[in-house]
Amino acid sequence: MKKSILLATFCVALFSCSSDDTSTKTDSSLKKDEIFNFQSYEGMDKKIDEISEIKTQLEKSIAEKHISKVDNSSKNNSEDAILESVKNYHKEKLNNIYALRKQTNFTSIQSIADEINFLTLIDSIKSDALFEEYKKYLIRDKYEVKTILKIEQQML
């Protein structure tokens, strides 16, 4: 059962992904004809593990950086300072998303949802445009954008 859910999730992601070309008009522009082809579940699992490991390392580095910034600036807790800190965090999260895409040569619908969520504060027009472009794979609730896959998995 778990393998079939994973396969279905990955298939939807494959149909909505491609190599990242940062020279295009947006970082999320996808070429519909480029997808991964796996010979086995093991190959697919290996690629998922590789992407997860890279993402974890990127997350760890950004967390360490922002924890030290919060510790250093805890005395200056003005609204402007907090907003600027949050914007910087979102910019770094976006940079991590783009770096992960470039490093793995893979753009998933989950990374597009993450990009939309982190763009909301920085560039809401671009965030809304990306949501409109991929809305058949996404759901927007009061707080965030999620992939339809997360909703389907919660129902199971």
N, C-alpha and C. Protein backbone atom coordinates (compact mmCIF):
# COMPACT_ATOMS: atom_id res chain seq x y z
N MET A 1 0.83 -1.19 0.00
CA MET A 1 0.00 0.00 0.00
C MET A 1 0.87 1.26 0.00
N LYS A 2 1.90 1.24 0.86
CA LYS A 2 2.78 2.39 0.96
C LYS A 2 3.51 2.63 -0.36
N LYS A 3 3.94 1.54 -1.01
CA LYS A 3 4.64 1.68 -2.31
C LYS A 3 3.71 2.27 -3.36
N SER A 4 2.44 1.85 -3.36
CA SER A 4 1.52 2.37 -4.38
C SER A 4 1.22 3.85 -4.14
N ILE A 5 1.12 4.27 -2.88
CA ILE A 5 0.92 5.68 -2.59
C ILE A 5 2.14 6.48 -3.01
N LEU A 6 3.32 5.94 -2.68
CA LEU A 6 4.56 6.60 -3.05
C LEU A 6 4.68 6.70 -4.56
N LEU A 7 4.34 5.63 -5.27
CA LEU A 7 4.41 5.64 -6.73
C LEU A 7 3.44 6.65 -7.31
N ALA A 8 2.21 6.69 -6.80
CA ALA A 8 1.22 7.64 -7.30
C ALA A 8 1.68 9.08 -7.04
N THR A 9 2.21 9.32 -5.85
CA THR A 9 2.71 10.64 -5.50
C THR A 9 3.84 11.04 -6.42
N PHE A 10 4.74 10.13 -6.64
CA PHE A 10 5.90 10.44 -7.46
C PHE A 10 5.51 10.62 -8.92
N CYS A 11 4.55 9.84 -9.41
CA CYS A 11 4.09 9.99 -10.79
C CYS A 11 3.50 11.37 -11.04
N VAL A 12 2.66 11.83 -10.12
CA VAL A 12 2.09 13.17 -10.26
C VAL A 12 3.20 14.21 -10.24
N ALA A 13 4.17 14.01 -9.35
CA ALA A 13 5.30 14.95 -9.28
C ALA A 13 6.10 14.92 -10.57
N LEU A 14 6.27 13.73 -11.14
CA LEU A 14 7.04 13.62 -12.38
C LEU A 14 6.37 14.34 -13.53
N PHE A 15 5.06 14.24 -13.59
CA PHE A 15 4.36 14.90 -14.67
C PHE A 15 4.34 16.41 -14.53
N SER A 16 4.71 16.89 -13.36
CA SER A 16 4.72 18.33 -13.14
C SER A 16 6.12 18.85 -12.91
N CYS A 17 7.14 18.12 -13.37
CA CYS A 17 8.51 18.54 -13.08
C CYS A 17 9.39 18.47 -14.31
N SER A 18 10.54 19.11 -14.20
CA SER A 18 11.54 19.09 -15.25
C SER A 18 12.84 19.61 -14.70
N SER A 19 13.83 19.76 -15.59
CA SER A 19 15.08 20.37 -15.14
C SER A 19 14.85 21.84 -14.88
N ASP A 20 15.62 22.37 -13.98
CA ASP A 20 15.50 23.78 -13.63
C ASP A 20 16.41 24.58 -14.56
N ASP A 21 15.85 25.57 -15.20
CA ASP A 21 16.63 26.45 -16.06
C ASP A 21 16.45 27.85 -15.52
N THR A 22 17.44 28.33 -14.76
CA THR A 22 17.31 29.61 -14.09
C THR A 22 17.37 30.79 -15.05
N SER A 23 17.69 30.54 -16.31
CA SER A 23 17.73 31.64 -17.26
C SER A 23 16.35 31.90 -17.87
N THR A 24 15.34 31.11 -17.51
CA THR A 24 14.00 31.33 -18.04
C THR A 24 13.32 32.45 -17.29
N LYS A 25 12.11 32.79 -17.72
CA LYS A 25 11.43 33.95 -17.14
C LYS A 25 11.10 33.80 -15.66
N THR A 26 10.83 32.58 -15.18
CA THR A 26 10.67 32.35 -13.74
C THR A 26 11.43 31.11 -13.37
N ASP A 27 11.72 30.99 -12.09
CA ASP A 27 12.45 29.82 -11.62
C ASP A 27 11.60 28.57 -11.65
N SER A 28 10.29 28.71 -11.78
CA SER A 28 9.41 27.55 -11.76
C SER A 28 8.94 27.14 -13.15
N SER A 29 9.40 27.80 -14.19
CA SER A 29 8.98 27.43 -15.53
C SER A 29 9.39 25.99 -15.79
N LEU A 30 8.41 25.20 -16.22
CA LEU A 30 8.68 23.79 -16.41
C LEU A 30 8.58 23.42 -17.88
N LYS A 31 9.46 22.54 -18.29
CA LYS A 31 9.37 21.95 -19.62
C LYS A 31 8.63 20.64 -19.45
N LYS A 32 7.48 20.52 -20.04
CA LYS A 32 6.59 19.38 -19.81
C LYS A 32 7.14 18.07 -20.36
N ASP A 33 8.12 18.11 -21.27
CA ASP A 33 8.57 16.88 -21.90
C ASP A 33 9.77 16.24 -21.21
N GLU A 34 10.28 16.80 -20.13
CA GLU A 34 11.43 16.24 -19.45
C GLU A 34 11.02 15.66 -18.11
N ILE A 35 11.12 14.34 -17.97
CA ILE A 35 10.78 13.67 -16.71
C ILE A 35 11.82 12.61 -16.43
N PHE A 36 11.85 12.15 -15.18
CA PHE A 36 12.73 11.05 -14.81
C PHE A 36 12.09 9.74 -15.26
N ASN A 37 12.92 8.83 -15.70
CA ASN A 37 12.47 7.47 -16.01
C ASN A 37 13.24 6.52 -15.13
N PHE A 38 12.54 5.73 -14.34
CA PHE A 38 13.18 4.80 -13.43
C PHE A 38 12.95 3.37 -13.90
N GLN A 39 13.97 2.56 -13.78
CA GLN A 39 13.87 1.16 -14.17
C GLN A 39 13.25 0.31 -13.07
N SER A 40 13.28 0.82 -11.83
CA SER A 40 12.77 0.03 -10.70
C SER A 40 12.33 0.96 -9.58
N TYR A 41 11.62 0.37 -8.63
CA TYR A 41 11.25 1.12 -7.43
C TYR A 41 12.48 1.51 -6.64
N GLU A 42 13.49 0.64 -6.66
CA GLU A 42 14.72 0.93 -5.92
C GLU A 42 15.41 2.19 -6.47
N GLY A 43 15.44 2.32 -7.79
CA GLY A 43 16.02 3.51 -8.40
C GLY A 43 15.26 4.77 -8.03
N MET A 44 13.95 4.66 -8.02
CA MET A 44 13.11 5.79 -7.64
C MET A 44 13.32 6.13 -6.17
N ASP A 45 13.33 5.10 -5.31
CA ASP A 45 13.57 5.32 -3.88
C ASP A 45 14.92 5.96 -3.63
N LYS A 46 15.92 5.54 -4.39
CA LYS A 46 17.28 6.10 -4.24
C LYS A 46 17.27 7.59 -4.58
N LYS A 47 16.58 7.96 -5.65
CA LYS A 47 16.51 9.37 -6.05
C LYS A 47 15.75 10.19 -5.01
N ILE A 48 14.67 9.64 -4.49
CA ILE A 48 13.90 10.33 -3.44
C ILE A 48 14.78 10.54 -2.22
N ASP A 49 15.53 9.51 -1.83
CA ASP A 49 16.43 9.63 -0.68
C ASP A 49 17.51 10.68 -0.92
N GLU A 50 18.05 10.72 -2.14
CA GLU A 50 19.08 11.71 -2.49
C GLU A 50 18.53 13.13 -2.38
N ILE A 51 17.35 13.34 -2.91
CA ILE A 51 16.73 14.67 -2.85
C ILE A 51 16.41 15.03 -1.40
N SER A 52 15.91 14.09 -0.63
CA SER A 52 15.59 14.35 0.78
C SER A 52 16.83 14.70 1.58
N GLU A 53 17.93 14.03 1.32
CA GLU A 53 19.18 14.31 2.04
C GLU A 53 19.69 15.71 1.72
N ILE A 54 19.67 16.09 0.47
CA ILE A 54 20.12 17.44 0.08
C ILE A 54 19.22 18.49 0.72
N LYS A 55 17.91 18.25 0.68
CA LYS A 55 16.96 19.20 1.27
C LYS A 55 17.19 19.33 2.77
N THR A 56 17.44 18.22 3.45
CA THR A 56 17.70 18.24 4.89
C THR A 56 18.95 19.05 5.21
N GLN A 57 20.01 18.87 4.43
CA GLN A 57 21.24 19.63 4.66
C GLN A 57 21.02 21.12 4.44
N LEU A 58 20.28 21.48 3.41
CA LEU A 58 19.99 22.89 3.15
C LEU A 58 19.15 23.48 4.28
N GLU A 59 18.16 22.73 4.75
CA GLU A 59 17.32 23.18 5.86
C GLU A 59 18.14 23.37 7.14
N LYS A 60 19.05 22.45 7.39
CA LYS A 60 19.87 22.52 8.60
C LYS A 60 20.75 23.77 8.58
N SER A 61 21.34 24.07 7.43
CA SER A 61 22.22 25.25 7.35
C SER A 61 21.44 26.55 7.55
N ILE A 62 20.25 26.64 6.97
CA ILE A 62 19.46 27.86 7.13
C ILE A 62 18.95 27.98 8.56
N ALA A 63 18.59 26.88 9.18
CA ALA A 63 18.12 26.92 10.57
C ALA A 63 19.22 27.39 11.51
N GLU A 64 20.42 26.84 11.34
CA GLU A 64 21.55 27.25 12.19
C GLU A 64 21.84 28.74 12.03
N LYS A 65 21.79 29.21 10.82
CA LYS A 65 22.07 30.62 10.53
C LYS A 65 21.04 31.53 11.20
N HIS A 66 19.77 31.18 11.09
CA HIS A 66 18.74 32.05 11.65
C HIS A 66 18.61 31.93 13.16
N ILE A 67 18.95 30.80 13.72
CA ILE A 67 18.93 30.67 15.18
C ILE A 67 19.98 31.60 15.77
N SER A 68 21.16 31.64 15.15
CA SER A 68 22.20 32.53 15.67
C SER A 68 21.81 34.00 15.47
N LYS A 69 21.14 34.32 14.39
CA LYS A 69 20.68 35.70 14.17
C LYS A 69 19.64 36.11 15.21
N VAL A 70 18.73 35.20 15.53
CA VAL A 70 17.70 35.50 16.53
C VAL A 70 18.34 35.71 17.89
N ASP A 71 19.31 34.87 18.23
CA ASP A 71 20.02 35.03 19.51
C ASP A 71 20.73 36.38 19.58
N ASN A 72 21.36 36.80 18.50
CA ASN A 72 22.12 38.04 18.47
C ASN A 72 21.22 39.28 18.46
N SER A 73 20.02 39.17 17.92
CA SER A 73 19.17 40.35 17.79
C SER A 73 17.95 40.30 18.70
N SER A 74 17.99 39.50 19.73
CA SER A 74 16.82 39.37 20.60
C SER A 74 16.49 40.67 21.34
N LYS A 75 17.46 41.55 21.51
CA LYS A 75 17.22 42.83 22.18
C LYS A 75 16.43 43.78 21.29
N ASN A 76 16.64 43.70 19.98
CA ASN A 76 15.96 44.58 19.03
C ASN A 76 14.74 43.84 18.47
N ASN A 77 13.64 43.89 19.19
CA ASN A 77 12.46 43.16 18.75
C ASN A 77 11.37 44.09 18.22
N SER A 78 11.76 45.14 17.54
CA SER A 78 10.78 46.04 16.95
C SER A 78 10.07 45.32 15.80
N GLU A 79 8.91 45.82 15.46
CA GLU A 79 8.12 45.21 14.40
C GLU A 79 8.87 45.22 13.07
N ASP A 80 9.56 46.31 12.76
CA ASP A 80 10.32 46.40 11.51
C ASP A 80 11.46 45.39 11.48
N ALA A 81 12.15 45.24 12.60
CA ALA A 81 13.27 44.29 12.66
C ALA A 81 12.77 42.86 12.50
N ILE A 82 11.64 42.55 13.10
CA ILE A 82 11.07 41.21 12.99
C ILE A 82 10.63 40.94 11.55
N LEU A 83 9.96 41.91 10.93
CA LEU A 83 9.51 41.75 9.55
C LEU A 83 10.70 41.57 8.61
N GLU A 84 11.74 42.34 8.80
CA GLU A 84 12.94 42.22 7.96
C GLU A 84 13.59 40.85 8.14
N SER A 85 13.62 40.37 9.36
CA SER A 85 14.18 39.05 9.64
C SER A 85 13.37 37.94 8.95
N VAL A 86 12.05 38.06 9.00
CA VAL A 86 11.19 37.07 8.36
C VAL A 86 11.37 37.12 6.84
N LYS A 87 11.46 38.31 6.27
CA LYS A 87 11.68 38.44 4.83
C LYS A 87 13.01 37.81 4.42
N ASN A 88 14.06 38.05 5.20
CA ASN A 88 15.36 37.44 4.91
C ASN A 88 15.29 35.92 4.98
N TYR A 89 14.57 35.41 5.97
CA TYR A 89 14.39 33.97 6.10
C TYR A 89 13.69 33.41 4.86
N HIS A 90 12.62 34.08 4.42
CA HIS A 90 11.89 33.63 3.24
C HIS A 90 12.77 33.67 1.99
N LYS A 91 13.58 34.70 1.85
CA LYS A 91 14.49 34.79 0.70
C LYS A 91 15.48 33.64 0.71
N GLU A 92 16.01 33.32 1.88
CA GLU A 92 16.95 32.21 1.97
C GLU A 92 16.27 30.87 1.70
N LYS A 93 15.03 30.71 2.15
CA LYS A 93 14.28 29.49 1.86
C LYS A 93 14.06 29.36 0.35
N LEU A 94 13.75 30.48 -0.31
CA LEU A 94 13.60 30.45 -1.77
C LEU A 94 14.91 30.08 -2.45
N ASN A 95 16.00 30.65 -1.98
CA ASN A 95 17.30 30.31 -2.55
C ASN A 95 17.60 28.83 -2.37
N ASN A 96 17.20 28.25 -1.23
CA ASN A 96 17.38 26.81 -1.01
C ASN A 96 16.54 25.99 -1.99
N ILE A 97 15.32 26.43 -2.25
CA ILE A 97 14.45 25.73 -3.20
C ILE A 97 15.10 25.74 -4.58
N TYR A 98 15.59 26.90 -5.01
CA TYR A 98 16.21 27.00 -6.33
C TYR A 98 17.52 26.20 -6.39
N ALA A 99 18.28 26.21 -5.31
CA ALA A 99 19.53 25.44 -5.27
C ALA A 99 19.24 23.95 -5.33
N LEU A 100 18.22 23.50 -4.62
CA LEU A 100 17.85 22.08 -4.64
C LEU A 100 17.42 21.66 -6.04
N ARG A 101 16.64 22.49 -6.70
CA ARG A 101 16.21 22.18 -8.07
C ARG A 101 17.42 22.06 -9.01
N LYS A 102 18.33 23.01 -8.87
CA LYS A 102 19.49 23.00 -9.74
C LYS A 102 20.39 21.80 -9.46
N GLN A 103 20.60 21.51 -8.19
CA GLN A 103 21.48 20.41 -7.81
C GLN A 103 20.91 19.05 -8.20
N THR A 104 19.60 18.88 -8.09
CA THR A 104 18.99 17.59 -8.41
C THR A 104 18.45 17.52 -9.83
N ASN A 105 18.45 18.65 -10.51
CA ASN A 105 17.91 18.73 -11.86
C ASN A 105 16.46 18.26 -11.88
N PHE A 106 15.69 18.71 -10.88
CA PHE A 106 14.33 18.22 -10.67
C PHE A 106 13.48 19.30 -10.02
N THR A 107 12.30 19.53 -10.57
CA THR A 107 11.34 20.45 -9.97
C THR A 107 10.06 19.69 -9.71
N SER A 108 9.67 19.60 -8.46
CA SER A 108 8.44 18.88 -8.12
C SER A 108 7.32 19.87 -7.83
N ILE A 109 6.12 19.35 -7.83
CA ILE A 109 4.98 20.20 -7.50
C ILE A 109 5.08 20.66 -6.05
N GLN A 110 5.69 19.84 -5.18
CA GLN A 110 5.88 20.25 -3.78
C GLN A 110 6.81 21.45 -3.70
N SER A 111 7.88 21.47 -4.52
CA SER A 111 8.79 22.62 -4.47
C SER A 111 8.11 23.88 -5.01
N ILE A 112 7.17 23.70 -5.93
CA ILE A 112 6.41 24.85 -6.43
C ILE A 112 5.49 25.38 -5.33
N ALA A 113 4.85 24.47 -4.59
CA ALA A 113 4.01 24.89 -3.46
C ALA A 113 4.85 25.62 -2.42
N ASP A 114 6.04 25.09 -2.13
CA ASP A 114 6.93 25.76 -1.18
C ASP A 114 7.33 27.14 -1.69
N GLU A 115 7.65 27.21 -2.98
CA GLU A 115 8.03 28.49 -3.57
C GLU A 115 6.90 29.51 -3.44
N ILE A 116 5.68 29.09 -3.72
CA ILE A 116 4.53 30.00 -3.60
C ILE A 116 4.38 30.48 -2.16
N ASN A 117 4.52 29.55 -1.21
CA ASN A 117 4.37 29.93 0.20
C ASN A 117 5.42 30.93 0.64
N PHE A 118 6.66 30.76 0.20
CA PHE A 118 7.72 31.68 0.62
C PHE A 118 7.72 32.98 -0.19
N LEU A 119 7.15 32.94 -1.39
CA LEU A 119 7.05 34.16 -2.20
C LEU A 119 5.93 35.09 -1.73
N THR A 120 4.95 34.56 -1.04
CA THR A 120 3.77 35.33 -0.65
C THR A 120 4.14 36.63 0.05
N LEU A 121 5.08 36.58 0.95
CA LEU A 121 5.49 37.77 1.69
C LEU A 121 6.39 38.70 0.86
N ILE A 122 7.18 38.12 -0.01
CA ILE A 122 8.19 38.87 -0.76
C ILE A 122 7.64 39.44 -2.06
N ASP A 123 6.92 38.62 -2.83
CA ASP A 123 6.40 39.03 -4.14
C ASP A 123 5.05 38.35 -4.36
N SER A 124 4.00 38.93 -3.83
CA SER A 124 2.69 38.30 -3.87
C SER A 124 2.14 38.17 -5.29
N ILE A 125 2.52 39.05 -6.19
CA ILE A 125 2.06 38.96 -7.58
C ILE A 125 2.63 37.71 -8.24
N LYS A 126 3.92 37.48 -8.07
CA LYS A 126 4.55 36.27 -8.63
C LYS A 126 3.98 35.02 -7.96
N SER A 127 3.74 35.10 -6.66
CA SER A 127 3.16 33.97 -5.93
C SER A 127 1.78 33.62 -6.49
N ASP A 128 0.94 34.62 -6.70
CA ASP A 128 -0.40 34.38 -7.24
C ASP A 128 -0.34 33.84 -8.66
N ALA A 129 0.60 34.35 -9.47
CA ALA A 129 0.74 33.87 -10.85
C ALA A 129 1.16 32.40 -10.89
N LEU A 130 2.09 32.02 -10.01
CA LEU A 130 2.50 30.62 -9.95
C LEU A 130 1.35 29.72 -9.51
N PHE A 131 0.58 30.20 -8.53
CA PHE A 131 -0.56 29.41 -8.08
C PHE A 131 -1.55 29.20 -9.23
N GLU A 132 -1.84 30.26 -9.97
CA GLU A 132 -2.77 30.15 -11.10
C GLU A 132 -2.25 29.18 -12.14
N GLU A 133 -0.95 29.20 -12.40
CA GLU A 133 -0.36 28.32 -13.41
C GLU A 133 -0.47 26.85 -13.03
N TYR A 134 -0.35 26.54 -11.74
CA TYR A 134 -0.33 25.15 -11.29
C TYR A 134 -1.51 24.79 -10.39
N LYS A 135 -2.60 25.54 -10.48
CA LYS A 135 -3.70 25.36 -9.53
C LYS A 135 -4.38 24.00 -9.62
N LYS A 136 -4.23 23.28 -10.72
CA LYS A 136 -4.85 21.96 -10.77
C LYS A 136 -4.11 20.94 -9.89
N TYR A 137 -2.90 21.28 -9.44
CA TYR A 137 -2.12 20.40 -8.56
C TYR A 137 -2.06 20.94 -7.12
N LEU A 138 -2.65 22.12 -6.89
CA LEU A 138 -2.49 22.81 -5.61
C LEU A 138 -3.83 23.17 -4.98
N ILE A 139 -3.80 23.33 -3.67
CA ILE A 139 -4.96 23.80 -2.92
C ILE A 139 -4.46 24.90 -1.98
N ARG A 140 -5.18 26.01 -1.95
CA ARG A 140 -4.81 27.13 -1.06
C ARG A 140 -5.83 27.18 0.07
N ASP A 141 -5.32 27.11 1.29
CA ASP A 141 -6.21 27.29 2.43
C ASP A 141 -5.91 28.64 3.06
N LYS A 142 -6.39 28.86 4.24
CA LYS A 142 -6.23 30.16 4.90
C LYS A 142 -4.77 30.52 5.15
N TYR A 143 -3.92 29.50 5.36
CA TYR A 143 -2.55 29.76 5.79
C TYR A 143 -1.48 29.45 4.74
N GLU A 144 -1.73 28.50 3.86
CA GLU A 144 -0.67 28.08 2.95
C GLU A 144 -1.22 27.39 1.71
N VAL A 145 -0.31 27.14 0.78
CA VAL A 145 -0.62 26.36 -0.41
C VAL A 145 -0.07 24.96 -0.18
N LYS A 146 -0.89 23.96 -0.50
CA LYS A 146 -0.50 22.56 -0.36
C LYS A 146 -0.72 21.85 -1.69
N THR A 147 -0.02 20.75 -1.87
CA THR A 147 -0.27 19.95 -3.07
C THR A 147 -1.50 19.10 -2.84
N ILE A 148 -2.15 18.73 -3.93
CA ILE A 148 -3.31 17.85 -3.80
C ILE A 148 -2.89 16.50 -3.25
N LEU A 149 -1.64 16.15 -3.42
CA LEU A 149 -1.14 14.86 -2.92
C LEU A 149 -1.20 14.79 -1.41
N LYS A 150 -0.87 15.87 -0.72
CA LYS A 150 -0.93 15.87 0.74
C LYS A 150 -2.37 15.70 1.21
N ILE A 151 -3.30 16.31 0.53
CA ILE A 151 -4.71 16.20 0.90
C ILE A 151 -5.17 14.76 0.69
N GLU A 152 -4.80 14.15 -0.45
CA GLU A 152 -5.19 12.77 -0.74
C GLU A 152 -4.58 11.81 0.28
N GLN A 153 -3.33 12.04 0.68
CA GLN A 153 -2.69 11.16 1.64
C GLN A 153 -3.36 11.26 3.00
N GLN A 154 -3.84 12.44 3.38
CA GLN A 154 -4.52 12.60 4.66
C GLN A 154 -5.85 11.86 4.68
N MET A 155 -6.47 11.70 3.51
CA MET A 155 -7.76 11.00 3.43
C MET A 155 -7.59 9.50 3.58
N LEU A 156 -6.43 8.96 3.25
CA LEU A 156 -6.24 7.50 3.29
C LEU A 156 -6.14 6.95 4.67
